[in-house]
Amino acid sequence: MTKNNKKLVILLLCLIILFIVYYFFISSSTVAIGTVDKKIKQNNNNYIEVKFETNEIKKILVPQIVFPLIDEKRTYLIKYRYNLLRTPFLDKIETK
């Protein structure tokens, strides 16, 4: 293998590793319609417990400024992000 080919292979491996890291640790997100079952304050953090149409229940971290505006037992279009390092956190919420 020539020196240029080795550099190319190393570069491709680095790009593949960067893509995998980006996908699993930064870019995972979900958009779904769900009903807020309850609002939870825990350890100076605000969470909502959401029941989705698939009967899946998720606990989602909510920014402090948005927390008072969310009503329990109401249905919303919710976009949240998550990865292997962080719990799900709210990205966007709209009334349905």
PDB file of N, CA and C in Angstrom:
ATOM      1  N   MET A   1       0.847  -1.174   0.000  1.00  0.00           N
ATOM      2  CA  MET A   1       0.000   0.000   0.000  1.00  0.00           C
ATOM      3  C   MET A   1       0.895   1.242   0.000  1.00  0.00           C
ATOM      4  N   THR A   2       0.595   2.155  -0.877  1.00  0.00           N
ATOM      5  CA  THR A   2       1.412   3.367  -0.964  1.00  0.00           C
ATOM      6  C   THR A   2       1.072   4.331   0.168  1.00  0.00           C
ATOM      7  N   LYS A   3       1.903   5.323   0.337  1.00  0.00           N
ATOM      8  CA  LYS A   3       1.723   6.306   1.398  1.00  0.00           C
ATOM      9  C   LYS A   3       0.416   7.096   1.212  1.00  0.00           C
ATOM     10  N   ASN A   4       0.081   7.442  -0.008  1.00  0.00           N
ATOM     11  CA  ASN A   4      -1.151   8.181  -0.291  1.00  0.00           C
ATOM     12  C   ASN A   4      -2.393   7.337  -0.007  1.00  0.00           C
ATOM     13  N   ASN A   5      -2.315   6.055  -0.314  1.00  0.00           N
ATOM     14  CA  ASN A   5      -3.445   5.165  -0.045  1.00  0.00           C
ATOM     15  C   ASN A   5      -3.681   5.017   1.464  1.00  0.00           C
ATOM     16  N   LYS A   6      -2.591   4.932   2.233  1.00  0.00           N
ATOM     17  CA  LYS A   6      -2.719   4.836   3.683  1.00  0.00           C
ATOM     18  C   LYS A   6      -3.381   6.091   4.245  1.00  0.00           C
ATOM     19  N   LYS A   7      -2.992   7.238   3.746  1.00  0.00           N
ATOM     20  CA  LYS A   7      -3.599   8.496   4.200  1.00  0.00           C
ATOM     21  C   LYS A   7      -5.082   8.532   3.859  1.00  0.00           C
ATOM     22  N   LEU A   8      -5.423   8.065   2.677  1.00  0.00           N
ATOM     23  CA  LEU A   8      -6.814   8.039   2.257  1.00  0.00           C
ATOM     24  C   LEU A   8      -7.651   7.099   3.136  1.00  0.00           C
ATOM     25  N   VAL A   9      -7.121   5.933   3.434  1.00  0.00           N
ATOM     26  CA  VAL A   9      -7.829   4.979   4.286  1.00  0.00           C
ATOM     27  C   VAL A   9      -8.019   5.554   5.687  1.00  0.00           C
ATOM     28  N   ILE A  10      -6.996   6.170   6.235  1.00  0.00           N
ATOM     29  CA  ILE A  10      -7.095   6.786   7.567  1.00  0.00           C
ATOM     30  C   ILE A  10      -8.124   7.910   7.553  1.00  0.00           C
ATOM     31  N   LEU A  11      -8.131   8.719   6.528  1.00  0.00           N
ATOM     32  CA  LEU A  11      -9.100   9.799   6.407  1.00  0.00           C
ATOM     33  C   LEU A  11     -10.523   9.258   6.328  1.00  0.00           C
ATOM     34  N   LEU A  12     -10.741   8.221   5.546  1.00  0.00           N
ATOM     35  CA  LEU A  12     -12.070   7.615   5.440  1.00  0.00           C
ATOM     36  C   LEU A  12     -12.524   7.013   6.771  1.00  0.00           C
ATOM     37  N   LEU A  13     -11.630   6.359   7.476  1.00  0.00           N
ATOM     38  CA  LEU A  13     -11.976   5.814   8.782  1.00  0.00           C
ATOM     39  C   LEU A  13     -12.342   6.919   9.768  1.00  0.00           C
ATOM     40  N   CYS A  14     -11.608   8.010   9.745  1.00  0.00           N
ATOM     41  CA  CYS A  14     -11.915   9.150  10.614  1.00  0.00           C
ATOM     42  C   CYS A  14     -13.285   9.727  10.278  1.00  0.00           C
ATOM     43  N   LEU A  15     -13.607   9.849   9.015  1.00  0.00           N
ATOM     44  CA  LEU A  15     -14.916  10.362   8.611  1.00  0.00           C
ATOM     45  C   LEU A  15     -16.052   9.435   9.042  1.00  0.00           C
ATOM     46  N   ILE A  16     -15.836   8.145   8.911  1.00  0.00           N
ATOM     47  CA  ILE A  16     -16.855   7.179   9.336  1.00  0.00           C
ATOM     48  C   ILE A  16     -17.059   7.262  10.848  1.00  0.00           C
ATOM     49  N   ILE A  17     -15.977   7.353  11.601  1.00  0.00           N
ATOM     50  CA  ILE A  17     -16.079   7.460  13.063  1.00  0.00           C
ATOM     51  C   ILE A  17     -16.787   8.752  13.448  1.00  0.00           C
ATOM     52  N   LEU A  18     -16.466   9.864  12.793  1.00  0.00           N
ATOM     53  CA  LEU A  18     -17.141  11.126  13.075  1.00  0.00           C
ATOM     54  C   LEU A  18     -18.634  11.041  12.772  1.00  0.00           C
ATOM     55  N   PHE A  19     -18.999  10.404  11.699  1.00  0.00           N
ATOM     56  CA  PHE A  19     -20.404  10.231  11.353  1.00  0.00           C
ATOM     57  C   PHE A  19     -21.132   9.415  12.418  1.00  0.00           C
ATOM     58  N   ILE A  20     -20.534   8.331  12.856  1.00  0.00           N
ATOM     59  CA  ILE A  20     -21.154   7.489  13.884  1.00  0.00           C
ATOM     60  C   ILE A  20     -21.317   8.257  15.185  1.00  0.00           C
ATOM     61  N   VAL A  21     -20.293   8.987  15.592  1.00  0.00           N
ATOM     62  CA  VAL A  21     -20.365   9.789  16.816  1.00  0.00           C
ATOM     63  C   VAL A  21     -21.454  10.840  16.685  1.00  0.00           C
ATOM     64  N   TYR A  22     -21.508  11.517  15.566  1.00  0.00           N
ATOM     65  CA  TYR A  22     -22.542  12.529  15.341  1.00  0.00           C
ATOM     66  C   TYR A  22     -23.932  11.913  15.421  1.00  0.00           C
ATOM     67  N   TYR A  23     -24.134  10.797  14.768  1.00  0.00           N
ATOM     68  CA  TYR A  23     -25.452  10.181  14.735  1.00  0.00           C
ATOM     69  C   TYR A  23     -25.906   9.717  16.118  1.00  0.00           C
ATOM     70  N   PHE A  24     -25.056   9.040  16.858  1.00  0.00           N
ATOM     71  CA  PHE A  24     -25.471   8.459  18.130  1.00  0.00           C
ATOM     72  C   PHE A  24     -25.417   9.423  19.306  1.00  0.00           C
ATOM     73  N   PHE A  25     -24.599  10.459  19.240  1.00  0.00           N
ATOM     74  CA  PHE A  25     -24.437  11.321  20.404  1.00  0.00           C
ATOM     75  C   PHE A  25     -24.992  12.726  20.220  1.00  0.00           C
ATOM     76  N   ILE A  26     -25.361  13.117  19.021  1.00  0.00           N
ATOM     77  CA  ILE A  26     -25.796  14.490  18.808  1.00  0.00           C
ATOM     78  C   ILE A  26     -27.165  14.577  18.146  1.00  0.00           C
ATOM     79  N   SER A  27     -27.438  13.801  17.127  1.00  0.00           N
ATOM     80  CA  SER A  27     -28.542  14.122  16.230  1.00  0.00           C
ATOM     81  C   SER A  27     -29.827  13.317  16.370  1.00  0.00           C
ATOM     82  N   SER A  28     -29.991  12.491  17.363  1.00  0.00           N
ATOM     83  CA  SER A  28     -31.205  11.697  17.464  1.00  0.00           C
ATOM     84  C   SER A  28     -32.372  12.555  17.948  1.00  0.00           C
ATOM     85  N   SER A  29     -33.477  12.517  17.227  1.00  0.00           N
ATOM     86  CA  SER A  29     -34.650  13.284  17.632  1.00  0.00           C
ATOM     87  C   SER A  29     -35.918  12.548  17.208  1.00  0.00           C
ATOM     88  N   THR A  30     -37.007  12.900  17.883  1.00  0.00           N
ATOM     89  CA  THR A  30     -38.302  12.285  17.607  1.00  0.00           C
ATOM     90  C   THR A  30     -39.375  13.361  17.602  1.00  0.00           C
ATOM     91  N   VAL A  31     -40.325  13.231  16.683  1.00  0.00           N
ATOM     92  CA  VAL A  31     -41.496  14.105  16.646  1.00  0.00           C
ATOM     93  C   VAL A  31     -42.714  13.198  16.744  1.00  0.00           C
ATOM     94  N   ALA A  32     -43.596  13.523  17.707  1.00  0.00           N
ATOM     95  CA  ALA A  32     -44.781  12.691  17.900  1.00  0.00           C
ATOM     96  C   ALA A  32     -45.874  13.504  18.573  1.00  0.00           C
ATOM     97  N   ILE A  33     -47.085  12.985  18.482  1.00  0.00           N
ATOM     98  CA  ILE A  33     -48.217  13.590  19.179  1.00  0.00           C
ATOM     99  C   ILE A  33     -48.394  12.832  20.488  1.00  0.00           C
ATOM    100  N   GLY A  34     -48.483  13.602  21.579  1.00  0.00           N
ATOM    101  CA  GLY A  34     -48.615  12.961  22.877  1.00  0.00           C
ATOM    102  C   GLY A  34     -49.404  13.823  23.844  1.00  0.00           C
ATOM    103  N   THR A  35     -49.902  13.184  24.893  1.00  0.00           N
ATOM    104  CA  THR A  35     -50.663  13.861  25.940  1.00  0.00           C
ATOM    105  C   THR A  35     -49.796  13.970  27.183  1.00  0.00           C
ATOM    106  N   VAL A  36     -49.727  15.167  27.750  1.00  0.00           N
ATOM    107  CA  VAL A  36     -48.947  15.379  28.964  1.00  0.00           C
ATOM    108  C   VAL A  36     -49.734  14.806  30.137  1.00  0.00           C
ATOM    109  N   ASP A  37     -49.224  13.722  30.726  1.00  0.00           N
ATOM    110  CA  ASP A  37     -49.890  13.107  31.879  1.00  0.00           C
ATOM    111  C   ASP A  37     -49.666  13.915  33.140  1.00  0.00           C
ATOM    112  N   LYS A  38     -48.417  14.296  33.380  1.00  0.00           N
ATOM    113  CA  LYS A  38     -48.144  15.099  34.572  1.00  0.00           C
ATOM    114  C   LYS A  38     -46.861  15.894  34.411  1.00  0.00           C
ATOM    115  N   LYS A  39     -46.776  16.954  35.213  1.00  0.00           N
ATOM    116  CA  LYS A  39     -45.594  17.812  35.255  1.00  0.00           C
ATOM    117  C   LYS A  39     -44.839  17.492  36.545  1.00  0.00           C
ATOM    118  N   ILE A  40     -43.527  17.382  36.432  1.00  0.00           N
ATOM    119  CA  ILE A  40     -42.715  16.960  37.572  1.00  0.00           C
ATOM    120  C   ILE A  40     -41.578  17.951  37.785  1.00  0.00           C
ATOM    121  N   LYS A  41     -41.381  18.377  39.040  1.00  0.00           N
ATOM    122  CA  LYS A  41     -40.208  19.168  39.412  1.00  0.00           C
ATOM    123  C   LYS A  41     -39.327  18.266  40.254  1.00  0.00           C
ATOM    124  N   GLN A  42     -38.068  18.089  39.798  1.00  0.00           N
ATOM    125  CA  GLN A  42     -37.181  17.146  40.469  1.00  0.00           C
ATOM    126  C   GLN A  42     -35.744  17.637  40.372  1.00  0.00           C
ATOM    127  N   ASN A  43     -35.082  17.824  41.499  1.00  0.00           N
ATOM    128  CA  ASN A  43     -33.668  18.242  41.534  1.00  0.00           C
ATOM    129  C   ASN A  43     -33.407  19.498  40.702  1.00  0.00           C
ATOM    130  N   ASN A  44     -34.220  20.519  40.888  1.00  0.00           N
ATOM    131  CA  ASN A  44     -34.097  21.788  40.152  1.00  0.00           C
ATOM    132  C   ASN A  44     -34.270  21.638  38.648  1.00  0.00           C
ATOM    133  N   ASN A  45     -34.889  20.569  38.203  1.00  0.00           N
ATOM    134  CA  ASN A  45     -35.195  20.354  36.792  1.00  0.00           C
ATOM    135  C   ASN A  45     -36.699  20.191  36.635  1.00  0.00           C
ATOM    136  N   ASN A  46     -37.200  20.560  35.481  1.00  0.00           N
ATOM    137  CA  ASN A  46     -38.621  20.425  35.169  1.00  0.00           C
ATOM    138  C   ASN A  46     -38.792  19.348  34.097  1.00  0.00           C
ATOM    139  N   TYR A  47     -39.712  18.442  34.343  1.00  0.00           N
ATOM    140  CA  TYR A  47     -39.981  17.350  33.410  1.00  0.00           C
ATOM    141  C   TYR A  47     -41.476  17.285  33.125  1.00  0.00           C
ATOM    142  N   ILE A  48     -41.800  16.746  31.963  1.00  0.00           N
ATOM    143  CA  ILE A  48     -43.177  16.365  31.681  1.00  0.00           C
ATOM    144  C   ILE A  48     -43.177  14.877  31.377  1.00  0.00           C
ATOM    145  N   GLU A  49     -44.196  14.208  31.836  1.00  0.00           N
ATOM    146  CA  GLU A  49     -44.367  12.801  31.513  1.00  0.00           C
ATOM    147  C   GLU A  49     -45.418  12.739  30.413  1.00  0.00           C
ATOM    148  N   VAL A  50     -45.029  12.237  29.269  1.00  0.00           N
ATOM    149  CA  VAL A  50     -45.877  12.261  28.077  1.00  0.00           C
ATOM    150  C   VAL A  50     -46.260  10.841  27.677  1.00  0.00           C
ATOM    151  N   LYS A  51     -47.546  10.672  27.390  1.00  0.00           N
ATOM    152  CA  LYS A  51     -48.033   9.392  26.869  1.00  0.00           C
ATOM    153  C   LYS A  51     -48.308   9.586  25.382  1.00  0.00           C
ATOM    154  N   PHE A  52     -47.598   8.824  24.568  1.00  0.00           N
ATOM    155  CA  PHE A  52     -47.734   8.935  23.118  1.00  0.00           C
ATOM    156  C   PHE A  52     -48.823   8.004  22.613  1.00  0.00           C
ATOM    157  N   GLU A  53     -49.172   8.155  21.350  1.00  0.00           N
ATOM    158  CA  GLU A  53     -50.243   7.365  20.741  1.00  0.00           C
ATOM    159  C   GLU A  53     -49.934   5.871  20.740  1.00  0.00           C
ATOM    160  N   THR A  54     -48.666   5.519  20.855  1.00  0.00           N
ATOM    161  CA  THR A  54     -48.260   4.109  20.885  1.00  0.00           C
ATOM    162  C   THR A  54     -48.305   3.549  22.305  1.00  0.00           C
ATOM    163  N   ASN A  55     -48.875   4.315  23.253  1.00  0.00           N
ATOM    164  CA  ASN A  55     -48.948   3.989  24.676  1.00  0.00           C
ATOM    165  C   ASN A  55     -47.581   3.962  25.354  1.00  0.00           C
ATOM    166  N   GLU A  56     -46.594   4.514  24.715  1.00  0.00           N
ATOM    167  CA  GLU A  56     -45.264   4.645  25.311  1.00  0.00           C
ATOM    168  C   GLU A  56     -45.260   5.903  26.187  1.00  0.00           C
ATOM    169  N   ILE A  57     -44.652   5.809  27.360  1.00  0.00           N
ATOM    170  CA  ILE A  57     -44.570   6.943  28.266  1.00  0.00           C
ATOM    171  C   ILE A  57     -43.115   7.371  28.380  1.00  0.00           C
ATOM    172  N   LYS A  58     -42.856   8.671  28.168  1.00  0.00           N
ATOM    173  CA  LYS A  58     -41.503   9.229  28.238  1.00  0.00           C
ATOM    174  C   LYS A  58     -41.472  10.376  29.220  1.00  0.00           C
ATOM    175  N   LYS A  59     -40.378  10.494  29.924  1.00  0.00           N
ATOM    176  CA  LYS A  59     -40.124  11.623  30.818  1.00  0.00           C
ATOM    177  C   LYS A  59     -39.150  12.545  30.087  1.00  0.00           C
ATOM    178  N   ILE A  60     -39.599  13.776  29.793  1.00  0.00           N
ATOM    179  CA  ILE A  60     -38.847  14.701  28.947  1.00  0.00           C
ATOM    180  C   ILE A  60     -38.491  15.952  29.744  1.00  0.00           C
ATOM    181  N   LEU A  61     -37.232  16.327  29.697  1.00  0.00           N
ATOM    182  CA  LEU A  61     -36.752  17.536  30.354  1.00  0.00           C
ATOM    183  C   LEU A  61     -37.265  18.763  29.607  1.00  0.00           C
ATOM    184  N   VAL A  62     -37.784  19.749  30.366  1.00  0.00           N
ATOM    185  CA  VAL A  62     -38.397  20.933  29.776  1.00  0.00           C
ATOM    186  C   VAL A  62     -37.685  22.180  30.301  1.00  0.00           C
ATOM    187  N   PRO A  63     -37.417  23.182  29.439  1.00  0.00           N
ATOM    188  CA  PRO A  63     -36.821  24.432  29.927  1.00  0.00           C
ATOM    189  C   PRO A  63     -37.740  25.120  30.937  1.00  0.00           C
ATOM    190  N   GLN A  64     -37.144  25.801  31.878  1.00  0.00           N
ATOM    191  CA  GLN A  64     -37.891  26.447  32.955  1.00  0.00           C
ATOM    192  C   GLN A  64     -38.890  27.473  32.422  1.00  0.00           C
ATOM    193  N   ILE A  65     -38.548  28.183  31.365  1.00  0.00           N
ATOM    194  CA  ILE A  65     -39.424  29.233  30.832  1.00  0.00           C
ATOM    195  C   ILE A  65     -40.671  28.657  30.158  1.00  0.00           C
ATOM    196  N   VAL A  66     -40.579  27.438  29.657  1.00  0.00           N
ATOM    197  CA  VAL A  66     -41.704  26.809  28.958  1.00  0.00           C
ATOM    198  C   VAL A  66     -42.601  26.025  29.920  1.00  0.00           C
ATOM    199  N   PHE A  67     -42.043  25.552  31.003  1.00  0.00           N
ATOM    200  CA  PHE A  67     -42.754  24.665  31.935  1.00  0.00           C
ATOM    201  C   PHE A  67     -44.118  25.197  32.384  1.00  0.00           C
ATOM    202  N   PRO A  68     -44.235  26.464  32.801  1.00  0.00           N
ATOM    203  CA  PRO A  68     -45.558  26.939  33.249  1.00  0.00           C
ATOM    204  C   PRO A  68     -46.603  27.036  32.137  1.00  0.00           C
ATOM    205  N   LEU A  69     -46.178  27.050  30.894  1.00  0.00           N
ATOM    206  CA  LEU A  69     -47.100  27.201  29.769  1.00  0.00           C
ATOM    207  C   LEU A  69     -47.718  25.876  29.315  1.00  0.00           C
ATOM    208  N   ILE A  70     -47.213  24.775  29.824  1.00  0.00           N
ATOM    209  CA  ILE A  70     -47.700  23.452  29.435  1.00  0.00           C
ATOM    210  C   ILE A  70     -48.796  23.019  30.404  1.00  0.00           C
ATOM    211  N   ASP A  71     -49.905  22.546  29.845  1.00  0.00           N
ATOM    212  CA  ASP A  71     -51.038  22.094  30.654  1.00  0.00           C
ATOM    213  C   ASP A  71     -51.074  20.572  30.721  1.00  0.00           C
ATOM    214  N   GLU A  72     -51.385  20.046  31.896  1.00  0.00           N
ATOM    215  CA  GLU A  72     -51.556  18.603  32.043  1.00  0.00           C
ATOM    216  C   GLU A  72     -52.836  18.161  31.336  1.00  0.00           C
ATOM    217  N   LYS A  73     -52.842  16.924  30.895  1.00  0.00           N
ATOM    218  CA  LYS A  73     -53.982  16.288  30.212  1.00  0.00           C
ATOM    219  C   LYS A  73     -54.324  16.966  28.889  1.00  0.00           C
ATOM    220  N   ARG A  74     -53.365  17.635  28.293  1.00  0.00           N
ATOM    221  CA  ARG A  74     -53.572  18.284  26.993  1.00  0.00           C
ATOM    222  C   ARG A  74     -52.671  17.610  25.964  1.00  0.00           C
ATOM    223  N   THR A  75     -53.124  17.568  24.721  1.00  0.00           N
ATOM    224  CA  THR A  75     -52.385  16.913  23.651  1.00  0.00           C
ATOM    225  C   THR A  75     -51.552  17.936  22.885  1.00  0.00           C
ATOM    226  N   TYR A  76     -50.294  17.571  22.626  1.00  0.00           N
ATOM    227  CA  TYR A  76     -49.358  18.449  21.942  1.00  0.00           C
ATOM    228  C   TYR A  76     -48.613  17.675  20.858  1.00  0.00           C
ATOM    229  N   LEU A  77     -48.108  18.432  19.889  1.00  0.00           N
ATOM    230  CA  LEU A  77     -47.122  17.911  18.961  1.00  0.00           C
ATOM    231  C   LEU A  77     -45.773  18.207  19.603  1.00  0.00           C
ATOM    232  N   ILE A  78     -45.013  17.167  19.903  1.00  0.00           N
ATOM    233  CA  ILE A  78     -43.778  17.311  20.676  1.00  0.00           C
ATOM    234  C   ILE A  78     -42.597  16.824  19.862  1.00  0.00           C
ATOM    235  N   LYS A  79     -41.570  17.662  19.802  1.00  0.00           N
ATOM    236  CA  LYS A  79     -40.303  17.256  19.206  1.00  0.00           C
ATOM    237  C   LYS A  79     -39.280  17.260  20.333  1.00  0.00           C
ATOM    238  N   TYR A  80     -38.644  16.127  20.529  1.00  0.00           N
ATOM    239  CA  TYR A  80     -37.622  16.050  21.565  1.00  0.00           C
ATOM    240  C   TYR A  80     -36.380  15.363  21.024  1.00  0.00           C
ATOM    241  N   ARG A  81     -35.265  15.691  21.625  1.00  0.00           N
ATOM    242  CA  ARG A  81     -33.972  15.126  21.234  1.00  0.00           C
ATOM    243  C   ARG A  81     -33.442  14.264  22.364  1.00  0.00           C
ATOM    244  N   TYR A  82     -32.606  13.336  21.998  1.00  0.00           N
ATOM    245  CA  TYR A  82     -31.987  12.467  22.994  1.00  0.00           C
ATOM    246  C   TYR A  82     -30.747  11.839  22.372  1.00  0.00           C
ATOM    247  N   ASN A  83     -29.909  11.303  23.215  1.00  0.00           N
ATOM    248  CA  ASN A  83     -28.772  10.522  22.770  1.00  0.00           C
ATOM    249  C   ASN A  83     -28.355   9.596  23.895  1.00  0.00           C
ATOM    250  N   LEU A  84     -27.273   8.898  23.708  1.00  0.00           N
ATOM    251  CA  LEU A  84     -26.849   7.938  24.718  1.00  0.00           C
ATOM    252  C   LEU A  84     -26.312   8.612  25.970  1.00  0.00           C
ATOM    253  N   LEU A  85     -25.953   9.872  25.881  1.00  0.00           N
ATOM    254  CA  LEU A  85     -25.371  10.584  27.012  1.00  0.00           C
ATOM    255  C   LEU A  85     -26.375  11.431  27.784  1.00  0.00           C
ATOM    256  N   ARG A  86     -27.501  11.778  27.180  1.00  0.00           N
ATOM    257  CA  ARG A  86     -28.472  12.677  27.811  1.00  0.00           C
ATOM    258  C   ARG A  86     -29.855  12.058  27.813  1.00  0.00           C
ATOM    259  N   THR A  87     -30.641  12.449  28.812  1.00  0.00           N
ATOM    260  CA  THR A  87     -32.042  12.039  28.833  1.00  0.00           C
ATOM    261  C   THR A  87     -32.792  12.860  27.778  1.00  0.00           C
ATOM    262  N   PRO A  88     -33.980  12.436  27.384  1.00  0.00           N
ATOM    263  CA  PRO A  88     -34.736  13.216  26.399  1.00  0.00           C
ATOM    264  C   PRO A  88     -35.003  14.640  26.889  1.00  0.00           C
ATOM    265  N   PHE A  89     -34.835  15.619  25.980  1.00  0.00           N
ATOM    266  CA  PHE A  89     -35.101  17.010  26.315  1.00  0.00           C
ATOM    267  C   PHE A  89     -35.924  17.636  25.216  1.00  0.00           C
ATOM    268  N   LEU A  90     -36.805  18.546  25.628  1.00  0.00           N
ATOM    269  CA  LEU A  90     -37.754  19.173  24.725  1.00  0.00           C
ATOM    270  C   LEU A  90     -37.050  20.112  23.743  1.00  0.00           C
ATOM    271  N   ASP A  91     -37.396  19.979  22.474  1.00  0.00           N
ATOM    272  CA  ASP A  91     -36.863  20.849  21.443  1.00  0.00           C
ATOM    273  C   ASP A  91     -37.949  21.805  20.947  1.00  0.00           C
ATOM    274  N   LYS A  92     -39.178  21.285  20.800  1.00  0.00           N
ATOM    275  CA  LYS A  92     -40.279  22.094  20.291  1.00  0.00           C
ATOM    276  C   LYS A  92     -41.593  21.480  20.757  1.00  0.00           C
ATOM    277  N   ILE A  93     -42.567  22.357  21.064  1.00  0.00           N
ATOM    278  CA  ILE A  93     -43.883  21.860  21.472  1.00  0.00           C
ATOM    279  C   ILE A  93     -44.950  22.793  20.897  1.00  0.00           C
ATOM    280  N   GLU A  94     -45.986  22.192  20.330  1.00  0.00           N
ATOM    281  CA  GLU A  94     -47.102  22.962  19.741  1.00  0.00           C
ATOM    282  C   GLU A  94     -48.405  22.311  20.159  1.00  0.00           C
ATOM    283  N   THR A  95     -49.427  23.137  20.345  1.00  0.00           N
ATOM    284  CA  THR A  95     -50.744  22.574  20.642  1.00  0.00           C
ATOM    285  C   THR A  95     -51.287  21.916  19.400  1.00  0.00           C
ATOM    286  N   LYS A  96     -52.044  20.876  19.612  1.00  0.00           N
ATOM    287  CA  LYS A  96     -52.602  20.117  18.489  1.00  0.00           C
ATOM    288  C   LYS A  96     -53.946  20.695  18.115  1.00  0.00           C
TER     289      LYS A  96
END
